[in-house]
Amino acid sequence: MQNGYSKEGQIAAAKALVAQADAIHSELFDAANELKDECHELIRRSGVRRHRKPPFALAVKNLSGQIGPKIVWISYSKKKVERVGAEPVRFTEEIRGRKNGRYPKSIFNRFEKDLRPRLCEIEDRAAALRQRVSFWRAAIKEARKIVEQGDE
């Protein structure tokens, strides 16, 4: 009988976690967007290379069906592409080189010296947030498995 109680408790805890998935998703997105806004404001205030487009910026992307955002550094294409019936746009490309959830500090060498340490600090916070997102994705995925197995 002892095992029956622990299994029921495990299923109840998993259901509670799954029920909170939307709230967790929203909280992670809010934190990521605040960090992105702080980064963009920092770059804007610094007047990167005399008001030219910055070499790259922090972006928050939504992955369909996933908990939490994807937080990446993106670069902009140099030329604007003309679209029929719309404003010209610059395409973005994700900067490669992330290992274990962190970008190397060397990617910030294209910015001014006084801005680099602050961008490195933002990247450290983004890496910590990426780690939180990874944890919650795994936890909720496992909770969904437990709920599915309990319903069978």
N, C-alpha and C. Protein backbone atom coordinates (compact mmCIF):
# COMPACT_ATOMS: atom_id res chain seq x y z
N MET A 1 0.81 -1.20 0.00
CA MET A 1 0.00 0.00 0.00
C MET A 1 0.86 1.26 0.00
N GLN A 2 2.01 1.19 0.59
CA GLN A 2 2.91 2.35 0.66
C GLN A 2 3.24 2.86 -0.74
N ASN A 3 3.52 1.95 -1.68
CA ASN A 3 3.87 2.36 -3.05
C ASN A 3 2.70 3.05 -3.74
N GLY A 4 1.48 2.63 -3.45
CA GLY A 4 0.31 3.27 -4.06
C GLY A 4 0.19 4.72 -3.66
N TYR A 5 0.47 5.02 -2.40
CA TYR A 5 0.40 6.40 -1.94
C TYR A 5 1.48 7.26 -2.58
N SER A 6 2.68 6.74 -2.68
CA SER A 6 3.76 7.55 -3.27
C SER A 6 3.51 7.80 -4.75
N LYS A 7 2.93 6.80 -5.44
CA LYS A 7 2.63 6.99 -6.85
C LYS A 7 1.53 8.03 -7.04
N GLU A 8 0.50 7.98 -6.17
CA GLU A 8 -0.57 8.97 -6.25
C GLU A 8 -0.04 10.38 -5.97
N GLY A 9 0.86 10.48 -5.01
CA GLY A 9 1.47 11.77 -4.69
C GLY A 9 2.32 12.29 -5.82
N GLN A 10 3.04 11.38 -6.45
CA GLN A 10 3.89 11.77 -7.58
C GLN A 10 3.04 12.26 -8.74
N ILE A 11 1.93 11.56 -9.01
CA ILE A 11 1.03 11.97 -10.09
C ILE A 11 0.39 13.32 -9.76
N ALA A 12 -0.01 13.51 -8.52
CA ALA A 12 -0.63 14.78 -8.11
C ALA A 12 0.37 15.93 -8.25
N ALA A 13 1.61 15.70 -7.84
CA ALA A 13 2.65 16.74 -7.98
C ALA A 13 2.91 17.04 -9.44
N ALA A 14 2.95 16.01 -10.28
CA ALA A 14 3.19 16.21 -11.71
C ALA A 14 2.05 17.00 -12.34
N LYS A 15 0.80 16.68 -11.94
CA LYS A 15 -0.35 17.42 -12.46
C LYS A 15 -0.30 18.89 -12.05
N ALA A 16 0.12 19.14 -10.82
CA ALA A 16 0.24 20.52 -10.34
C ALA A 16 1.30 21.27 -11.15
N LEU A 17 2.40 20.61 -11.44
CA LEU A 17 3.47 21.25 -12.23
C LEU A 17 3.02 21.52 -13.66
N VAL A 18 2.33 20.56 -14.25
CA VAL A 18 1.82 20.74 -15.62
C VAL A 18 0.80 21.89 -15.65
N ALA A 19 -0.01 22.00 -14.60
CA ALA A 19 -1.00 23.08 -14.54
C ALA A 19 -0.34 24.45 -14.47
N GLN A 20 0.87 24.50 -13.92
CA GLN A 20 1.61 25.77 -13.80
C GLN A 20 2.50 26.07 -15.01
N ALA A 21 2.47 25.21 -16.02
CA ALA A 21 3.37 25.36 -17.17
C ALA A 21 3.21 26.71 -17.87
N ASP A 22 1.97 27.17 -18.03
CA ASP A 22 1.75 28.47 -18.70
C ASP A 22 2.31 29.62 -17.88
N ALA A 23 2.15 29.55 -16.57
CA ALA A 23 2.68 30.61 -15.70
C ALA A 23 4.20 30.62 -15.73
N ILE A 24 4.80 29.45 -15.73
CA ILE A 24 6.26 29.35 -15.81
C ILE A 24 6.75 29.89 -17.15
N HIS A 25 6.05 29.52 -18.22
CA HIS A 25 6.39 30.01 -19.56
C HIS A 25 6.35 31.54 -19.61
N SER A 26 5.30 32.12 -19.07
CA SER A 26 5.16 33.58 -19.07
C SER A 26 6.25 34.25 -18.24
N GLU A 27 6.55 33.68 -17.07
CA GLU A 27 7.58 34.26 -16.20
C GLU A 27 8.94 34.23 -16.88
N LEU A 28 9.26 33.13 -17.56
CA LEU A 28 10.55 33.03 -18.25
C LEU A 28 10.62 34.03 -19.42
N PHE A 29 9.52 34.18 -20.16
CA PHE A 29 9.49 35.14 -21.26
C PHE A 29 9.63 36.57 -20.74
N ASP A 30 8.95 36.89 -19.64
CA ASP A 30 9.06 38.23 -19.08
C ASP A 30 10.49 38.54 -18.66
N ALA A 31 11.14 37.58 -18.01
CA ALA A 31 12.53 37.78 -17.58
C ALA A 31 13.45 37.95 -18.79
N ALA A 32 13.23 37.15 -19.83
CA ALA A 32 14.06 37.26 -21.03
C ALA A 32 13.84 38.58 -21.75
N ASN A 33 12.60 39.02 -21.83
CA ASN A 33 12.32 40.29 -22.50
C ASN A 33 12.86 41.49 -21.72
N GLU A 34 12.83 41.41 -20.39
CA GLU A 34 13.43 42.47 -19.59
C GLU A 34 14.94 42.56 -19.84
N LEU A 35 15.59 41.41 -19.90
CA LEU A 35 17.03 41.37 -20.17
C LEU A 35 17.33 41.91 -21.57
N LYS A 36 16.52 41.52 -22.54
CA LYS A 36 16.70 42.01 -23.92
C LYS A 36 16.53 43.52 -23.97
N ASP A 37 15.50 44.03 -23.31
CA ASP A 37 15.25 45.48 -23.31
C ASP A 37 16.41 46.23 -22.64
N GLU A 38 16.92 45.67 -21.54
CA GLU A 38 18.06 46.28 -20.87
C GLU A 38 19.29 46.31 -21.78
N CYS A 39 19.51 45.22 -22.50
CA CYS A 39 20.64 45.15 -23.42
C CYS A 39 20.49 46.17 -24.56
N HIS A 40 19.32 46.24 -25.15
CA HIS A 40 19.10 47.18 -26.26
C HIS A 40 19.24 48.62 -25.80
N GLU A 41 18.75 48.92 -24.59
CA GLU A 41 18.88 50.27 -24.05
C GLU A 41 20.35 50.61 -23.80
N LEU A 42 21.10 49.66 -23.29
CA LEU A 42 22.54 49.86 -23.05
C LEU A 42 23.27 50.15 -24.36
N ILE A 43 22.98 49.36 -25.37
CA ILE A 43 23.62 49.56 -26.68
C ILE A 43 23.20 50.91 -27.27
N ARG A 44 21.92 51.23 -27.15
CA ARG A 44 21.41 52.50 -27.70
C ARG A 44 22.05 53.70 -27.01
N ARG A 45 22.13 53.67 -25.68
CA ARG A 45 22.72 54.78 -24.92
C ARG A 45 24.20 54.95 -25.21
N SER A 46 24.88 53.86 -25.52
CA SER A 46 26.32 53.95 -25.75
C SER A 46 26.63 54.61 -27.09
N GLY A 47 25.62 54.73 -27.97
CA GLY A 47 25.84 55.35 -29.27
C GLY A 47 26.85 54.55 -30.08
N VAL A 48 26.63 53.27 -30.17
CA VAL A 48 27.56 52.37 -30.84
C VAL A 48 28.04 52.94 -32.16
N ARG A 49 29.33 53.12 -32.22
CA ARG A 49 30.01 53.60 -33.45
C ARG A 49 29.25 54.75 -34.12
N ARG A 50 29.02 55.74 -33.33
CA ARG A 50 28.40 56.98 -33.82
C ARG A 50 27.05 56.76 -34.50
N HIS A 51 26.19 56.07 -33.77
CA HIS A 51 24.79 55.90 -34.17
C HIS A 51 24.58 55.03 -35.39
N ARG A 52 25.53 54.17 -35.68
CA ARG A 52 25.31 53.18 -36.73
C ARG A 52 24.62 51.97 -36.12
N LYS A 53 24.16 51.09 -36.97
CA LYS A 53 23.52 49.87 -36.49
C LYS A 53 24.52 49.07 -35.68
N PRO A 54 24.15 48.55 -34.50
CA PRO A 54 25.09 47.77 -33.70
C PRO A 54 25.48 46.47 -34.43
N PRO A 55 26.66 45.92 -34.11
CA PRO A 55 27.10 44.69 -34.78
C PRO A 55 26.12 43.54 -34.57
N PHE A 56 25.54 43.47 -33.41
CA PHE A 56 24.53 42.45 -33.12
C PHE A 56 23.79 42.84 -31.85
N ALA A 57 22.73 42.07 -31.55
CA ALA A 57 21.90 42.38 -30.38
C ALA A 57 21.32 41.09 -29.81
N LEU A 58 20.78 41.20 -28.62
CA LEU A 58 20.16 40.06 -27.95
C LEU A 58 18.73 39.91 -28.48
N ALA A 59 18.33 38.67 -28.72
CA ALA A 59 16.97 38.41 -29.22
C ALA A 59 16.32 37.31 -28.39
N VAL A 60 15.02 37.40 -28.27
CA VAL A 60 14.23 36.40 -27.55
C VAL A 60 13.28 35.79 -28.57
N LYS A 61 13.40 34.49 -28.77
CA LYS A 61 12.58 33.81 -29.77
C LYS A 61 11.65 32.81 -29.09
N ASN A 62 10.48 32.65 -29.70
CA ASN A 62 9.51 31.69 -29.19
C ASN A 62 9.61 30.42 -30.02
N LEU A 63 9.80 29.29 -29.34
CA LEU A 63 9.81 28.00 -30.02
C LEU A 63 8.45 27.36 -29.79
N SER A 64 7.75 27.10 -30.85
CA SER A 64 6.40 26.57 -30.73
C SER A 64 6.40 25.22 -30.00
N GLY A 65 5.52 25.11 -29.03
CA GLY A 65 5.39 23.88 -28.26
C GLY A 65 6.43 23.70 -27.16
N GLN A 66 7.30 24.68 -26.96
CA GLN A 66 8.34 24.60 -25.95
C GLN A 66 8.02 25.55 -24.80
N ILE A 67 8.49 25.18 -23.63
CA ILE A 67 8.36 26.05 -22.46
C ILE A 67 9.52 27.04 -22.49
N GLY A 68 9.22 28.30 -22.33
CA GLY A 68 10.26 29.32 -22.25
C GLY A 68 10.81 29.73 -23.61
N PRO A 69 11.61 30.80 -23.60
CA PRO A 69 12.14 31.36 -24.85
C PRO A 69 13.50 30.77 -25.22
N LYS A 70 13.91 31.08 -26.43
CA LYS A 70 15.27 30.81 -26.88
C LYS A 70 15.96 32.18 -26.88
N ILE A 71 17.04 32.30 -26.10
CA ILE A 71 17.73 33.58 -25.96
C ILE A 71 19.04 33.51 -26.72
N VAL A 72 19.15 34.29 -27.78
CA VAL A 72 20.32 34.23 -28.65
C VAL A 72 20.80 35.64 -29.00
N TRP A 73 22.03 35.72 -29.44
CA TRP A 73 22.56 36.96 -30.01
C TRP A 73 22.40 36.84 -31.52
N ILE A 74 21.89 37.90 -32.15
CA ILE A 74 21.67 37.90 -33.59
C ILE A 74 22.43 39.04 -34.24
N SER A 75 22.82 38.83 -35.49
CA SER A 75 23.42 39.91 -36.28
C SER A 75 22.44 40.28 -37.38
N TYR A 76 22.57 41.48 -37.87
CA TYR A 76 21.68 41.99 -38.90
C TYR A 76 22.38 41.93 -40.25
N SER A 77 21.60 41.67 -41.30
CA SER A 77 22.19 41.71 -42.64
C SER A 77 22.54 43.16 -42.96
N LYS A 78 23.55 43.36 -43.80
CA LYS A 78 24.01 44.71 -44.12
C LYS A 78 23.04 45.45 -45.04
N LYS A 79 22.43 44.72 -45.95
CA LYS A 79 21.53 45.36 -46.90
C LYS A 79 20.08 45.12 -46.53
N LYS A 80 19.28 46.13 -46.81
CA LYS A 80 17.84 45.97 -46.63
C LYS A 80 17.28 45.29 -47.87
N VAL A 81 16.34 44.40 -47.65
CA VAL A 81 15.70 43.68 -48.75
C VAL A 81 14.35 44.32 -49.01
N GLU A 82 14.12 44.65 -50.26
CA GLU A 82 12.85 45.26 -50.64
C GLU A 82 11.78 44.18 -50.72
N ARG A 83 10.63 44.48 -50.12
CA ARG A 83 9.50 43.56 -50.18
C ARG A 83 8.35 44.25 -50.89
N VAL A 84 7.59 43.49 -51.65
CA VAL A 84 6.47 44.06 -52.39
C VAL A 84 5.40 44.50 -51.40
N GLY A 85 5.04 45.76 -51.48
CA GLY A 85 3.96 46.30 -50.65
C GLY A 85 4.30 46.44 -49.18
N ALA A 86 5.58 46.47 -48.84
CA ALA A 86 5.94 46.60 -47.42
C ALA A 86 7.25 47.36 -47.30
N GLU A 87 7.59 47.69 -46.08
CA GLU A 87 8.85 48.38 -45.78
C GLU A 87 10.04 47.46 -46.07
N PRO A 88 11.18 48.04 -46.44
CA PRO A 88 12.39 47.21 -46.59
C PRO A 88 12.79 46.66 -45.21
N VAL A 89 13.34 45.45 -45.19
CA VAL A 89 13.70 44.82 -43.94
C VAL A 89 15.14 44.32 -43.97
N ARG A 90 15.72 44.20 -42.78
CA ARG A 90 17.02 43.56 -42.62
C ARG A 90 16.76 42.17 -42.04
N PHE A 91 17.40 41.19 -42.60
CA PHE A 91 17.25 39.85 -42.06
C PHE A 91 18.23 39.66 -40.91
N THR A 92 17.91 38.74 -40.04
CA THR A 92 18.79 38.47 -38.90
C THR A 92 19.31 37.05 -38.99
N GLU A 93 20.47 36.85 -38.39
CA GLU A 93 21.07 35.52 -38.36
C GLU A 93 21.61 35.28 -36.96
N GLU A 94 21.35 34.11 -36.44
CA GLU A 94 21.83 33.77 -35.11
C GLU A 94 23.35 33.63 -35.13
N ILE A 95 23.99 34.21 -34.13
CA ILE A 95 25.45 34.09 -34.02
C ILE A 95 25.76 32.70 -33.48
N ARG A 96 26.65 32.02 -34.14
CA ARG A 96 27.01 30.65 -33.76
C ARG A 96 28.11 30.67 -32.70
N GLY A 97 28.36 29.51 -32.12
CA GLY A 97 29.48 29.39 -31.20
C GLY A 97 29.08 29.19 -29.75
N ARG A 98 27.79 29.07 -29.47
CA ARG A 98 27.36 28.87 -28.09
C ARG A 98 27.69 27.44 -27.67
N LYS A 99 28.34 27.32 -26.51
CA LYS A 99 28.67 26.00 -25.96
C LYS A 99 28.20 25.96 -24.52
N ASN A 100 27.52 24.89 -24.16
CA ASN A 100 27.00 24.72 -22.81
C ASN A 100 26.15 25.91 -22.37
N GLY A 101 25.38 26.46 -23.30
CA GLY A 101 24.48 27.56 -22.97
C GLY A 101 25.13 28.93 -22.87
N ARG A 102 26.41 29.05 -23.22
CA ARG A 102 27.12 30.33 -23.10
C ARG A 102 27.79 30.69 -24.42
N TYR A 103 27.79 31.98 -24.69
CA TYR A 103 28.55 32.50 -25.82
C TYR A 103 29.93 32.89 -25.31
N PRO A 104 30.96 32.76 -26.14
CA PRO A 104 32.30 33.20 -25.69
C PRO A 104 32.35 34.71 -25.58
N LYS A 105 33.15 35.19 -24.66
CA LYS A 105 33.27 36.64 -24.43
C LYS A 105 33.87 37.34 -25.66
N SER A 106 34.58 36.59 -26.48
CA SER A 106 35.23 37.19 -27.65
C SER A 106 34.24 37.74 -28.67
N ILE A 107 32.98 37.32 -28.62
CA ILE A 107 32.03 37.86 -29.61
C ILE A 107 31.79 39.35 -29.40
N PHE A 108 32.09 39.85 -28.20
CA PHE A 108 31.85 41.26 -27.91
C PHE A 108 33.01 42.16 -28.33
N ASN A 109 34.03 41.61 -28.95
CA ASN A 109 35.19 42.40 -29.37
C ASN A 109 34.83 43.43 -30.44
N ARG A 110 33.71 43.28 -31.09
CA ARG A 110 33.30 44.24 -32.12
C ARG A 110 32.67 45.50 -31.53
N PHE A 111 32.42 45.49 -30.21
CA PHE A 111 31.89 46.67 -29.53
C PHE A 111 33.04 47.47 -28.91
N GLU A 112 32.73 48.70 -28.48
CA GLU A 112 33.72 49.55 -27.83
C GLU A 112 34.18 48.91 -26.53
N LYS A 113 35.41 49.25 -26.11
CA LYS A 113 36.00 48.65 -24.92
C LYS A 113 35.18 48.88 -23.66
N ASP A 114 34.63 50.08 -23.50
CA ASP A 114 33.89 50.38 -22.27
C ASP A 114 32.55 49.65 -22.20
N LEU A 115 32.03 49.20 -23.33
CA LEU A 115 30.75 48.51 -23.38
C LEU A 115 30.89 46.99 -23.18
N ARG A 116 32.04 46.44 -23.52
CA ARG A 116 32.24 44.98 -23.46
C ARG A 116 31.96 44.35 -22.10
N PRO A 117 32.48 44.90 -20.98
CA PRO A 117 32.22 44.24 -19.70
C PRO A 117 30.73 44.20 -19.34
N ARG A 118 30.00 45.24 -19.70
CA ARG A 118 28.57 45.26 -19.40
C ARG A 118 27.81 44.27 -20.27
N LEU A 119 28.23 44.10 -21.52
CA LEU A 119 27.61 43.10 -22.38
C LEU A 119 27.95 41.69 -21.90
N CYS A 120 29.17 41.51 -21.40
CA CYS A 120 29.55 40.21 -20.84
C CYS A 120 28.69 39.87 -19.63
N GLU A 121 28.38 40.88 -18.81
CA GLU A 121 27.54 40.67 -17.64
C GLU A 121 26.12 40.30 -18.08
N ILE A 122 25.63 40.94 -19.13
CA ILE A 122 24.31 40.60 -19.65
C ILE A 122 24.31 39.17 -20.20
N GLU A 123 25.39 38.79 -20.88
CA GLU A 123 25.50 37.42 -21.38
C GLU A 123 25.53 36.41 -20.24
N ASP A 124 26.19 36.74 -19.13
CA ASP A 124 26.21 35.85 -17.96
C ASP A 124 24.79 35.66 -17.43
N ARG A 125 24.02 36.73 -17.37
CA ARG A 125 22.64 36.63 -16.90
C ARG A 125 21.77 35.87 -17.90
N ALA A 126 22.05 36.07 -19.20
CA ALA A 126 21.31 35.33 -20.23
C ALA A 126 21.62 33.83 -20.14
N ALA A 127 22.89 33.49 -19.87
CA ALA A 127 23.27 32.08 -19.72
C ALA A 127 22.56 31.46 -18.53
N ALA A 128 22.45 32.20 -17.43
CA ALA A 128 21.73 31.69 -16.25
C ALA A 128 20.25 31.49 -16.58
N LEU A 129 19.69 32.40 -17.35
CA LEU A 129 18.29 32.27 -17.75
C LEU A 129 18.10 31.10 -18.71
N ARG A 130 19.05 30.89 -19.62
CA ARG A 130 19.00 29.72 -20.50
C ARG A 130 19.00 28.42 -19.69
N GLN A 131 19.78 28.42 -18.62
CA GLN A 131 19.86 27.25 -17.76
C GLN A 131 18.52 27.02 -17.05
N ARG A 132 17.88 28.09 -16.59
CA ARG A 132 16.55 27.97 -15.97
C ARG A 132 15.53 27.44 -16.95
N VAL A 133 15.58 27.95 -18.20
CA VAL A 133 14.66 27.50 -19.23
C VAL A 133 14.86 26.00 -19.48
N SER A 134 16.10 25.59 -19.57
CA SER A 134 16.42 24.18 -19.80
C SER A 134 15.89 23.31 -18.66
N PHE A 135 16.08 23.77 -17.42
CA PHE A 135 15.58 23.02 -16.26
C PHE A 135 14.07 22.86 -16.33
N TRP A 136 13.35 23.96 -16.57
CA TRP A 136 11.90 23.89 -16.57
C TRP A 136 11.37 23.07 -17.74
N ARG A 137 12.04 23.14 -18.90
CA ARG A 137 11.61 22.29 -20.02
C ARG A 137 11.70 20.82 -19.64
N ALA A 138 12.83 20.43 -19.04
CA ALA A 138 13.02 19.04 -18.65
C ALA A 138 12.04 18.63 -17.56
N ALA A 139 11.83 19.49 -16.58
CA ALA A 139 10.93 19.17 -15.46
C ALA A 139 9.49 19.00 -15.95
N ILE A 140 9.04 19.90 -16.80
CA ILE A 140 7.66 19.82 -17.27
C ILE A 140 7.49 18.66 -18.25
N LYS A 141 8.49 18.39 -19.04
CA LYS A 141 8.43 17.23 -19.95
C LYS A 141 8.29 15.94 -19.14
N GLU A 142 9.08 15.82 -18.08
CA GLU A 142 9.02 14.63 -17.22
C GLU A 142 7.67 14.57 -16.49
N ALA A 143 7.16 15.71 -16.04
CA ALA A 143 5.87 15.73 -15.37
C ALA A 143 4.76 15.29 -16.32
N ARG A 144 4.82 15.70 -17.57
CA ARG A 144 3.81 15.27 -18.55
C ARG A 144 3.86 13.76 -18.76
N LYS A 145 5.07 13.20 -18.79
CA LYS A 145 5.21 11.74 -18.92
C LYS A 145 4.57 11.03 -17.74
N ILE A 146 4.80 11.54 -16.54
CA ILE A 146 4.25 10.92 -15.33
C ILE A 146 2.72 10.99 -15.36
N VAL A 147 2.18 12.14 -15.79
CA VAL A 147 0.73 12.28 -15.85
C VAL A 147 0.15 11.31 -16.88
N GLU A 148 0.80 11.19 -18.04
CA GLU A 148 0.32 10.26 -19.08
C GLU A 148 0.35 8.83 -18.60
N GLN A 149 1.42 8.44 -17.92
CA GLN A 149 1.53 7.07 -17.41
C GLN A 149 0.51 6.82 -16.30
N GLY A 150 0.21 7.83 -15.51
CA GLY A 150 -0.77 7.69 -14.43
C GLY A 150 -2.19 7.58 -14.94
N ASP A 151 -2.46 8.17 -16.11
CA ASP A 151 -3.81 8.12 -16.69
C ASP A 151 -4.09 6.81 -17.38
N GLU A 152 -3.05 6.04 -17.65
CA GLU A 152 -3.24 4.77 -18.39
C GLU A 152 -3.86 3.70 -17.56
